[in-house]
Amino acid sequence: MASNSQARISARQASEAATRERLRQALPTTVDHLHHHQADRIDDNDIDAYVRLNWLEWHGGGLRLTITGRNVCAQLAPSAA
């Protein structure tokens, strides 16, 4: 029984990791949509996930990038080296 439970947890963790990576890769495009006032082009579920990850936050009725979100974007930017 424990093995079955561990397999479910492992599958869930793999799914969460895949979702997080998909969101990480999509974050620069999401930020671009926000800068161009096109938040309607961002899936509502993705917005909720970004907020849960603390990459975006609600501020004054709008979304903005958090410090954590800026750091994630910076990790994705090509290095200047």
N, C-alpha and C. Protein backbone atom coordinates (compact mmCIF):
# COMPACT_ATOMS: atom_id res chain seq x y z
N MET A 1 0.82 -1.20 0.00
CA MET A 1 0.00 0.00 0.00
C MET A 1 0.86 1.26 0.00
N ALA A 2 1.95 1.24 0.77
CA ALA A 2 2.81 2.42 0.83
C ALA A 2 3.43 2.71 -0.53
N SER A 3 3.75 1.66 -1.27
CA SER A 3 4.35 1.83 -2.59
C SER A 3 3.40 2.56 -3.53
N ASN A 4 2.13 2.20 -3.48
CA ASN A 4 1.12 2.85 -4.31
C ASN A 4 1.00 4.32 -3.93
N SER A 5 1.01 4.60 -2.64
CA SER A 5 0.93 5.98 -2.17
C SER A 5 2.17 6.78 -2.60
N GLN A 6 3.33 6.16 -2.51
CA GLN A 6 4.56 6.83 -2.92
C GLN A 6 4.56 7.10 -4.42
N ALA A 7 4.01 6.17 -5.20
CA ALA A 7 3.93 6.37 -6.65
C ALA A 7 3.03 7.55 -6.98
N ARG A 8 1.91 7.69 -6.25
CA ARG A 8 1.01 8.83 -6.49
C ARG A 8 1.69 10.13 -6.15
N ILE A 9 2.40 10.15 -5.03
CA ILE A 9 3.10 11.37 -4.62
C ILE A 9 4.18 11.71 -5.64
N SER A 10 4.92 10.69 -6.09
CA SER A 10 5.98 10.92 -7.06
C SER A 10 5.40 11.44 -8.38
N ALA A 11 4.30 10.87 -8.81
CA ALA A 11 3.66 11.33 -10.05
C ALA A 11 3.16 12.76 -9.90
N ARG A 12 2.61 13.07 -8.73
CA ARG A 12 2.12 14.43 -8.49
C ARG A 12 3.29 15.42 -8.47
N GLN A 13 4.38 15.03 -7.83
CA GLN A 13 5.55 15.90 -7.78
C GLN A 13 6.13 16.13 -9.17
N ALA A 14 6.15 15.09 -9.99
CA ALA A 14 6.65 15.23 -11.35
C ALA A 14 5.74 16.16 -12.16
N SER A 15 4.44 16.03 -11.96
CA SER A 15 3.49 16.90 -12.66
C SER A 15 3.67 18.35 -12.22
N GLU A 16 3.83 18.56 -10.92
CA GLU A 16 4.03 19.92 -10.41
C GLU A 16 5.33 20.52 -10.93
N ALA A 17 6.38 19.69 -11.01
CA ALA A 17 7.66 20.18 -11.52
C ALA A 17 7.55 20.54 -13.00
N ALA A 18 6.83 19.74 -13.76
CA ALA A 18 6.65 20.03 -15.18
C ALA A 18 5.84 21.31 -15.37
N THR A 19 4.81 21.50 -14.56
CA THR A 19 4.01 22.72 -14.64
C THR A 19 4.84 23.93 -14.28
N ARG A 20 5.63 23.81 -13.22
CA ARG A 20 6.48 24.92 -12.80
C ARG A 20 7.48 25.29 -13.90
N GLU A 21 8.06 24.29 -14.55
CA GLU A 21 9.02 24.56 -15.62
C GLU A 21 8.32 25.22 -16.82
N ARG A 22 7.12 24.76 -17.15
CA ARG A 22 6.37 25.38 -18.25
C ARG A 22 6.09 26.84 -17.93
N LEU A 23 5.69 27.11 -16.69
CA LEU A 23 5.41 28.49 -16.28
C LEU A 23 6.69 29.33 -16.30
N ARG A 24 7.79 28.73 -15.87
CA ARG A 24 9.08 29.45 -15.86
C ARG A 24 9.46 29.86 -17.27
N GLN A 25 9.32 28.94 -18.21
CA GLN A 25 9.67 29.24 -19.60
C GLN A 25 8.72 30.29 -20.21
N ALA A 26 7.48 30.30 -19.76
CA ALA A 26 6.48 31.23 -20.31
C ALA A 26 6.49 32.59 -19.62
N LEU A 27 7.20 32.72 -18.51
CA LEU A 27 7.16 33.96 -17.73
C LEU A 27 7.57 35.19 -18.54
N PRO A 28 8.64 35.17 -19.33
CA PRO A 28 8.97 36.38 -20.10
C PRO A 28 7.85 36.82 -21.04
N THR A 29 7.18 35.87 -21.68
CA THR A 29 6.06 36.21 -22.55
C THR A 29 4.91 36.78 -21.73
N THR A 30 4.67 36.20 -20.57
CA THR A 30 3.61 36.70 -19.68
C THR A 30 3.90 38.14 -19.27
N VAL A 31 5.14 38.41 -18.91
CA VAL A 31 5.53 39.77 -18.51
C VAL A 31 5.36 40.73 -19.69
N ASP A 32 5.69 40.27 -20.89
CA ASP A 32 5.51 41.10 -22.07
C ASP A 32 4.02 41.44 -22.27
N HIS A 33 3.15 40.46 -22.06
CA HIS A 33 1.71 40.72 -22.15
C HIS A 33 1.28 41.78 -21.13
N LEU A 34 1.82 41.67 -19.92
CA LEU A 34 1.47 42.65 -18.89
C LEU A 34 1.95 44.05 -19.27
N HIS A 35 3.15 44.15 -19.81
CA HIS A 35 3.69 45.45 -20.20
C HIS A 35 2.89 46.08 -21.33
N HIS A 36 2.28 45.25 -22.15
CA HIS A 36 1.49 45.75 -23.27
C HIS A 36 -0.01 45.77 -22.95
N HIS A 37 -0.33 45.67 -21.66
CA HIS A 37 -1.72 45.71 -21.20
C HIS A 37 -2.59 44.67 -21.91
N GLN A 38 -2.05 43.46 -22.02
CA GLN A 38 -2.74 42.36 -22.67
C GLN A 38 -2.89 41.17 -21.71
N ALA A 39 -3.21 41.46 -20.47
CA ALA A 39 -3.35 40.40 -19.47
C ALA A 39 -4.43 39.40 -19.86
N ASP A 40 -5.36 39.82 -20.71
CA ASP A 40 -6.41 38.90 -21.13
C ASP A 40 -5.86 37.76 -21.98
N ARG A 41 -4.63 37.86 -22.43
CA ARG A 41 -3.99 36.80 -23.21
C ARG A 41 -3.33 35.75 -22.33
N ILE A 42 -3.36 35.97 -21.01
CA ILE A 42 -2.76 35.03 -20.05
C ILE A 42 -3.88 34.16 -19.49
N ASP A 43 -3.70 32.87 -19.52
CA ASP A 43 -4.70 31.94 -18.99
C ASP A 43 -4.93 32.20 -17.50
N ASP A 44 -6.18 32.20 -17.09
CA ASP A 44 -6.53 32.45 -15.67
C ASP A 44 -5.85 31.46 -14.73
N ASN A 45 -5.76 30.20 -15.14
CA ASN A 45 -5.11 29.20 -14.30
C ASN A 45 -3.62 29.49 -14.16
N ASP A 46 -3.01 30.00 -15.23
CA ASP A 46 -1.59 30.36 -15.15
C ASP A 46 -1.40 31.55 -14.21
N ILE A 47 -2.29 32.51 -14.27
CA ILE A 47 -2.21 33.66 -13.36
C ILE A 47 -2.27 33.17 -11.92
N ASP A 48 -3.22 32.30 -11.63
CA ASP A 48 -3.34 31.75 -10.27
C ASP A 48 -2.05 31.04 -9.86
N ALA A 49 -1.48 30.27 -10.78
CA ALA A 49 -0.25 29.54 -10.48
C ALA A 49 0.92 30.50 -10.25
N TYR A 50 1.02 31.53 -11.08
CA TYR A 50 2.09 32.52 -10.89
C TYR A 50 1.96 33.22 -9.53
N VAL A 51 0.74 33.53 -9.13
CA VAL A 51 0.53 34.17 -7.83
C VAL A 51 0.91 33.20 -6.71
N ARG A 52 0.53 31.93 -6.84
CA ARG A 52 0.89 30.92 -5.81
C ARG A 52 2.41 30.77 -5.72
N LEU A 53 3.09 30.87 -6.84
CA LEU A 53 4.55 30.76 -6.85
C LEU A 53 5.23 32.04 -6.37
N ASN A 54 4.45 33.11 -6.19
CA ASN A 54 4.96 34.42 -5.80
C ASN A 54 5.83 35.03 -6.90
N TRP A 55 5.47 34.74 -8.16
CA TRP A 55 6.17 35.35 -9.28
C TRP A 55 5.41 36.58 -9.77
N LEU A 56 4.09 36.58 -9.57
CA LEU A 56 3.25 37.74 -9.85
C LEU A 56 2.44 38.03 -8.61
N GLU A 57 2.00 39.29 -8.49
CA GLU A 57 1.13 39.66 -7.38
C GLU A 57 0.09 40.65 -7.88
N TRP A 58 -1.03 40.65 -7.20
CA TRP A 58 -2.07 41.63 -7.48
C TRP A 58 -1.71 42.92 -6.78
N HIS A 59 -1.83 44.01 -7.50
CA HIS A 59 -1.51 45.33 -6.92
C HIS A 59 -2.44 46.36 -7.55
N GLY A 60 -3.31 46.92 -6.74
CA GLY A 60 -4.22 47.95 -7.23
C GLY A 60 -5.12 47.49 -8.36
N GLY A 61 -5.54 46.24 -8.32
CA GLY A 61 -6.42 45.71 -9.35
C GLY A 61 -5.70 45.21 -10.59
N GLY A 62 -4.38 45.29 -10.60
CA GLY A 62 -3.59 44.80 -11.73
C GLY A 62 -2.54 43.83 -11.25
N LEU A 63 -1.90 43.19 -12.20
CA LEU A 63 -0.83 42.26 -11.88
C LEU A 63 0.51 42.92 -12.08
N ARG A 64 1.46 42.54 -11.22
CA ARG A 64 2.82 43.01 -11.43
C ARG A 64 3.79 41.90 -11.02
N LEU A 65 4.97 42.00 -11.58
CA LEU A 65 6.02 41.05 -11.30
C LEU A 65 6.57 41.29 -9.90
N THR A 66 6.81 40.22 -9.17
CA THR A 66 7.42 40.33 -7.85
C THR A 66 8.94 40.29 -8.00
N ILE A 67 9.64 40.51 -6.90
CA ILE A 67 11.10 40.40 -6.92
C ILE A 67 11.50 38.98 -7.31
N THR A 68 10.79 38.00 -6.78
CA THR A 68 11.07 36.61 -7.14
C THR A 68 10.86 36.40 -8.63
N GLY A 69 9.77 36.94 -9.17
CA GLY A 69 9.51 36.84 -10.60
C GLY A 69 10.60 37.49 -11.43
N ARG A 70 11.10 38.64 -10.97
CA ARG A 70 12.20 39.31 -11.68
C ARG A 70 13.45 38.44 -11.69
N ASN A 71 13.70 37.78 -10.56
CA ASN A 71 14.86 36.90 -10.48
C ASN A 71 14.72 35.71 -11.43
N VAL A 72 13.52 35.15 -11.52
CA VAL A 72 13.28 34.04 -12.44
C VAL A 72 13.52 34.50 -13.87
N CYS A 73 13.01 35.68 -14.23
CA CYS A 73 13.24 36.22 -15.57
C CYS A 73 14.72 36.44 -15.83
N ALA A 74 15.43 36.94 -14.83
CA ALA A 74 16.86 37.19 -14.99
C ALA A 74 17.63 35.90 -15.23
N GLN A 75 17.19 34.82 -14.61
CA GLN A 75 17.83 33.51 -14.83
C GLN A 75 17.64 33.03 -16.26
N LEU A 76 16.52 33.44 -16.87
CA LEU A 76 16.22 33.00 -18.23
C LEU A 76 16.89 33.86 -19.29
N ALA A 77 17.29 35.07 -18.92
CA ALA A 77 17.89 36.00 -19.89
C ALA A 77 19.27 35.47 -20.31
N PRO A 78 19.60 35.63 -21.58
CA PRO A 78 20.94 35.21 -22.02
C PRO A 78 22.01 36.02 -21.27
N SER A 79 23.04 35.34 -20.88
CA SER A 79 24.10 36.04 -20.12
C SER A 79 24.88 36.96 -21.05
N ALA A 80 25.42 38.01 -20.46
CA ALA A 80 26.16 39.02 -21.22
C ALA A 80 27.62 38.61 -21.40
N ALA A 81 27.97 37.42 -20.95
CA ALA A 81 29.37 36.98 -21.01
C ALA A 81 29.82 36.57 -22.35
